[in-house]
Amino acid sequence: MNGRARRVPTELAALVLGVQEVTIRQWARRGKITRYGTARRALYDLDELTALARTTAAPPASAPASGGGTPAVGVHHN
């Protein structure tokens, strides 16, 4: 990277983190992420967003995928 911050609008920030745009705005108001830009155009640092995505990613589920295991009650397999 060239050292220059890469900033994205609210819509793309929401896509990066897999949340709604309203969540991005709330997080910015609460100080969870940094808001840049002007009063009319919010921008968010892509590196900050990807770091947040890594730290808040859900751990893999330990339960087996559906379709395996014990059949449901009343289900008969022939």
N, C-alpha and C. Protein backbone atom coordinates (compact mmCIF):
# COMPACT_ATOMS: atom_id res chain seq x y z
N MET A 1 0.85 -1.18 0.00
CA MET A 1 0.00 0.00 0.00
C MET A 1 0.89 1.23 0.00
N ASN A 2 0.40 2.33 -0.52
CA ASN A 2 1.19 3.54 -0.68
C ASN A 2 1.17 4.45 0.54
N GLY A 3 0.58 4.03 1.66
CA GLY A 3 0.52 4.84 2.85
C GLY A 3 -0.66 5.79 2.90
N ARG A 4 -1.38 5.92 1.81
CA ARG A 4 -2.54 6.80 1.77
C ARG A 4 -3.77 6.04 2.25
N ALA A 5 -4.56 6.68 3.09
CA ALA A 5 -5.76 6.04 3.62
C ALA A 5 -6.76 5.81 2.49
N ARG A 6 -7.38 4.65 2.51
CA ARG A 6 -8.44 4.34 1.56
C ARG A 6 -9.74 4.47 2.31
N ARG A 7 -10.56 5.39 1.89
CA ARG A 7 -11.82 5.66 2.58
C ARG A 7 -12.99 5.33 1.67
N VAL A 8 -14.02 4.77 2.30
CA VAL A 8 -15.20 4.33 1.55
C VAL A 8 -16.45 4.96 2.15
N PRO A 9 -17.50 5.13 1.34
CA PRO A 9 -18.76 5.68 1.87
C PRO A 9 -19.49 4.67 2.75
N THR A 10 -20.51 5.14 3.40
CA THR A 10 -21.29 4.33 4.36
C THR A 10 -21.78 3.03 3.74
N GLU A 11 -22.28 3.09 2.53
CA GLU A 11 -22.82 1.90 1.87
C GLU A 11 -21.77 0.80 1.75
N LEU A 12 -20.56 1.15 1.33
CA LEU A 12 -19.51 0.15 1.20
C LEU A 12 -18.99 -0.31 2.56
N ALA A 13 -18.94 0.60 3.53
CA ALA A 13 -18.53 0.22 4.88
C ALA A 13 -19.47 -0.85 5.43
N ALA A 14 -20.76 -0.67 5.18
CA ALA A 14 -21.75 -1.65 5.64
C ALA A 14 -21.53 -3.00 4.96
N LEU A 15 -21.22 -2.99 3.67
CA LEU A 15 -20.96 -4.23 2.95
C LEU A 15 -19.73 -4.94 3.49
N VAL A 16 -18.68 -4.19 3.78
CA VAL A 16 -17.44 -4.77 4.30
C VAL A 16 -17.70 -5.51 5.61
N LEU A 17 -18.52 -4.91 6.47
CA LEU A 17 -18.76 -5.50 7.78
C LEU A 17 -19.99 -6.39 7.84
N GLY A 18 -20.77 -6.42 6.76
CA GLY A 18 -21.95 -7.28 6.73
C GLY A 18 -23.06 -6.80 7.65
N VAL A 19 -23.19 -5.49 7.76
CA VAL A 19 -24.22 -4.90 8.61
C VAL A 19 -25.00 -3.88 7.79
N GLN A 20 -26.07 -3.34 8.37
CA GLN A 20 -26.85 -2.31 7.70
C GLN A 20 -26.16 -0.95 7.86
N GLU A 21 -26.49 -0.04 6.95
CA GLU A 21 -25.91 1.31 7.00
C GLU A 21 -26.19 2.01 8.31
N VAL A 22 -27.38 1.81 8.86
CA VAL A 22 -27.73 2.45 10.13
C VAL A 22 -26.77 2.00 11.24
N THR A 23 -26.32 0.76 11.18
CA THR A 23 -25.37 0.25 12.18
C THR A 23 -24.04 0.98 12.07
N ILE A 24 -23.59 1.22 10.85
CA ILE A 24 -22.34 1.96 10.65
C ILE A 24 -22.45 3.35 11.26
N ARG A 25 -23.58 4.01 11.02
CA ARG A 25 -23.78 5.36 11.58
C ARG A 25 -23.80 5.33 13.10
N GLN A 26 -24.46 4.33 13.67
CA GLN A 26 -24.52 4.21 15.14
C GLN A 26 -23.13 3.97 15.71
N TRP A 27 -22.37 3.07 15.09
CA TRP A 27 -21.02 2.78 15.57
C TRP A 27 -20.14 4.02 15.50
N ALA A 28 -20.31 4.82 14.46
CA ALA A 28 -19.52 6.06 14.35
C ALA A 28 -19.88 7.03 15.47
N ARG A 29 -21.18 7.17 15.74
CA ARG A 29 -21.62 8.07 16.83
C ARG A 29 -21.09 7.59 18.18
N ARG A 30 -21.02 6.29 18.36
CA ARG A 30 -20.55 5.73 19.64
C ARG A 30 -19.03 5.65 19.74
N GLY A 31 -18.33 5.95 18.65
CA GLY A 31 -16.87 5.92 18.68
C GLY A 31 -16.26 4.56 18.40
N LYS A 32 -17.05 3.61 17.97
CA LYS A 32 -16.53 2.28 17.65
C LYS A 32 -15.71 2.31 16.37
N ILE A 33 -16.10 3.16 15.42
CA ILE A 33 -15.34 3.39 14.20
C ILE A 33 -15.21 4.89 13.98
N THR A 34 -14.21 5.28 13.19
CA THR A 34 -13.94 6.68 12.95
C THR A 34 -14.65 7.16 11.69
N ARG A 35 -15.35 8.27 11.81
CA ARG A 35 -16.03 8.87 10.66
C ARG A 35 -15.17 9.99 10.11
N TYR A 36 -14.96 9.98 8.80
CA TYR A 36 -14.22 11.03 8.11
C TYR A 36 -15.18 11.69 7.13
N GLY A 37 -14.69 12.60 6.33
CA GLY A 37 -15.52 13.23 5.30
C GLY A 37 -16.07 14.55 5.77
N THR A 38 -17.20 14.93 5.16
CA THR A 38 -17.84 16.20 5.46
C THR A 38 -19.14 15.94 6.21
N ALA A 39 -19.82 17.01 6.55
CA ALA A 39 -21.11 16.87 7.25
C ALA A 39 -22.13 16.15 6.37
N ARG A 40 -22.00 16.31 5.07
CA ARG A 40 -22.97 15.69 4.14
C ARG A 40 -22.52 14.34 3.59
N ARG A 41 -21.24 14.03 3.67
CA ARG A 41 -20.72 12.80 3.07
C ARG A 41 -19.78 12.11 4.04
N ALA A 42 -20.25 11.03 4.64
CA ALA A 42 -19.44 10.27 5.58
C ALA A 42 -18.53 9.30 4.83
N LEU A 43 -17.32 9.17 5.32
CA LEU A 43 -16.36 8.20 4.79
C LEU A 43 -15.74 7.45 5.95
N TYR A 44 -15.34 6.22 5.69
CA TYR A 44 -14.77 5.36 6.72
C TYR A 44 -13.51 4.72 6.18
N ASP A 45 -12.50 4.56 7.03
CA ASP A 45 -11.22 4.02 6.64
C ASP A 45 -11.34 2.51 6.42
N LEU A 46 -10.96 2.07 5.22
CA LEU A 46 -11.10 0.67 4.86
C LEU A 46 -10.22 -0.23 5.73
N ASP A 47 -9.03 0.21 6.06
CA ASP A 47 -8.15 -0.59 6.92
C ASP A 47 -8.75 -0.76 8.32
N GLU A 48 -9.34 0.30 8.85
CA GLU A 48 -10.00 0.21 10.15
C GLU A 48 -11.18 -0.75 10.10
N LEU A 49 -11.94 -0.71 9.02
CA LEU A 49 -13.10 -1.59 8.87
C LEU A 49 -12.68 -3.06 8.78
N THR A 50 -11.65 -3.33 7.99
CA THR A 50 -11.22 -4.73 7.85
C THR A 50 -10.62 -5.25 9.15
N ALA A 51 -9.92 -4.40 9.90
CA ALA A 51 -9.41 -4.82 11.21
C ALA A 51 -10.56 -5.14 12.15
N LEU A 52 -11.60 -4.31 12.13
CA LEU A 52 -12.77 -4.56 12.97
C LEU A 52 -13.46 -5.86 12.55
N ALA A 53 -13.55 -6.09 11.26
CA ALA A 53 -14.18 -7.32 10.76
C ALA A 53 -13.43 -8.55 11.25
N ARG A 54 -12.11 -8.48 11.28
CA ARG A 54 -11.30 -9.62 11.76
C ARG A 54 -11.51 -9.88 13.25
N THR A 55 -11.64 -8.81 14.03
CA THR A 55 -11.76 -8.99 15.48
C THR A 55 -13.17 -9.37 15.91
N THR A 56 -14.16 -9.08 15.08
CA THR A 56 -15.54 -9.38 15.46
C THR A 56 -16.11 -10.56 14.70
N ALA A 57 -15.30 -11.22 13.88
CA ALA A 57 -15.79 -12.37 13.12
C ALA A 57 -16.22 -13.47 14.06
N ALA A 58 -17.36 -14.07 13.77
CA ALA A 58 -17.87 -15.16 14.60
C ALA A 58 -17.01 -16.39 14.42
N PRO A 59 -16.71 -17.11 15.52
CA PRO A 59 -15.94 -18.34 15.40
C PRO A 59 -16.77 -19.40 14.68
N PRO A 60 -16.11 -20.35 14.05
CA PRO A 60 -16.86 -21.38 13.34
C PRO A 60 -17.74 -22.17 14.30
N ALA A 61 -18.92 -22.52 13.84
CA ALA A 61 -19.85 -23.28 14.67
C ALA A 61 -19.31 -24.68 14.90
N SER A 62 -19.47 -25.18 16.11
CA SER A 62 -18.98 -26.52 16.42
C SER A 62 -20.04 -27.58 16.17
N ALA A 63 -21.28 -27.16 15.96
CA ALA A 63 -22.36 -28.12 15.71
C ALA A 63 -22.27 -28.63 14.28
N PRO A 64 -22.66 -29.89 14.06
CA PRO A 64 -22.61 -30.43 12.70
C PRO A 64 -23.63 -29.75 11.81
N ALA A 65 -23.36 -29.75 10.53
CA ALA A 65 -24.28 -29.14 9.57
C ALA A 65 -25.58 -29.91 9.55
N SER A 66 -26.67 -29.24 9.20
CA SER A 66 -27.96 -29.91 9.15
C SER A 66 -27.94 -30.99 8.09
N GLY A 67 -28.77 -31.99 8.28
CA GLY A 67 -28.83 -33.09 7.34
C GLY A 67 -28.16 -34.33 7.88
N GLY A 68 -27.33 -34.17 8.88
CA GLY A 68 -26.66 -35.32 9.47
C GLY A 68 -27.18 -35.57 10.86
N GLY A 69 -26.67 -36.59 11.49
CA GLY A 69 -27.04 -36.84 12.87
C GLY A 69 -28.33 -37.63 12.99
N THR A 70 -29.00 -37.47 14.11
CA THR A 70 -30.21 -38.22 14.43
C THR A 70 -31.40 -37.66 13.67
N PRO A 71 -32.20 -38.54 13.05
CA PRO A 71 -33.37 -38.04 12.34
C PRO A 71 -34.41 -37.49 13.30
N ALA A 72 -35.23 -36.59 12.80
CA ALA A 72 -36.28 -35.99 13.62
C ALA A 72 -37.31 -37.05 13.99
N VAL A 73 -38.00 -36.81 15.09
CA VAL A 73 -39.05 -37.71 15.56
C VAL A 73 -40.12 -37.82 14.50
N GLY A 74 -40.54 -39.05 14.21
CA GLY A 74 -41.61 -39.27 13.24
C GLY A 74 -41.12 -39.38 11.82
N VAL A 75 -39.83 -39.25 11.60
CA VAL A 75 -39.27 -39.37 10.24
C VAL A 75 -38.74 -40.78 10.08
N HIS A 76 -39.14 -41.46 9.05
CA HIS A 76 -38.69 -42.83 8.80
C HIS A 76 -37.88 -42.87 7.52
N HIS A 77 -36.72 -43.47 7.59
CA HIS A 77 -35.88 -43.62 6.42
C HIS A 77 -35.92 -45.06 5.96
N ASN A 78 -36.28 -45.30 4.73
CA ASN A 78 -36.34 -46.69 4.17
C ASN A 78 -35.25 -46.91 3.18
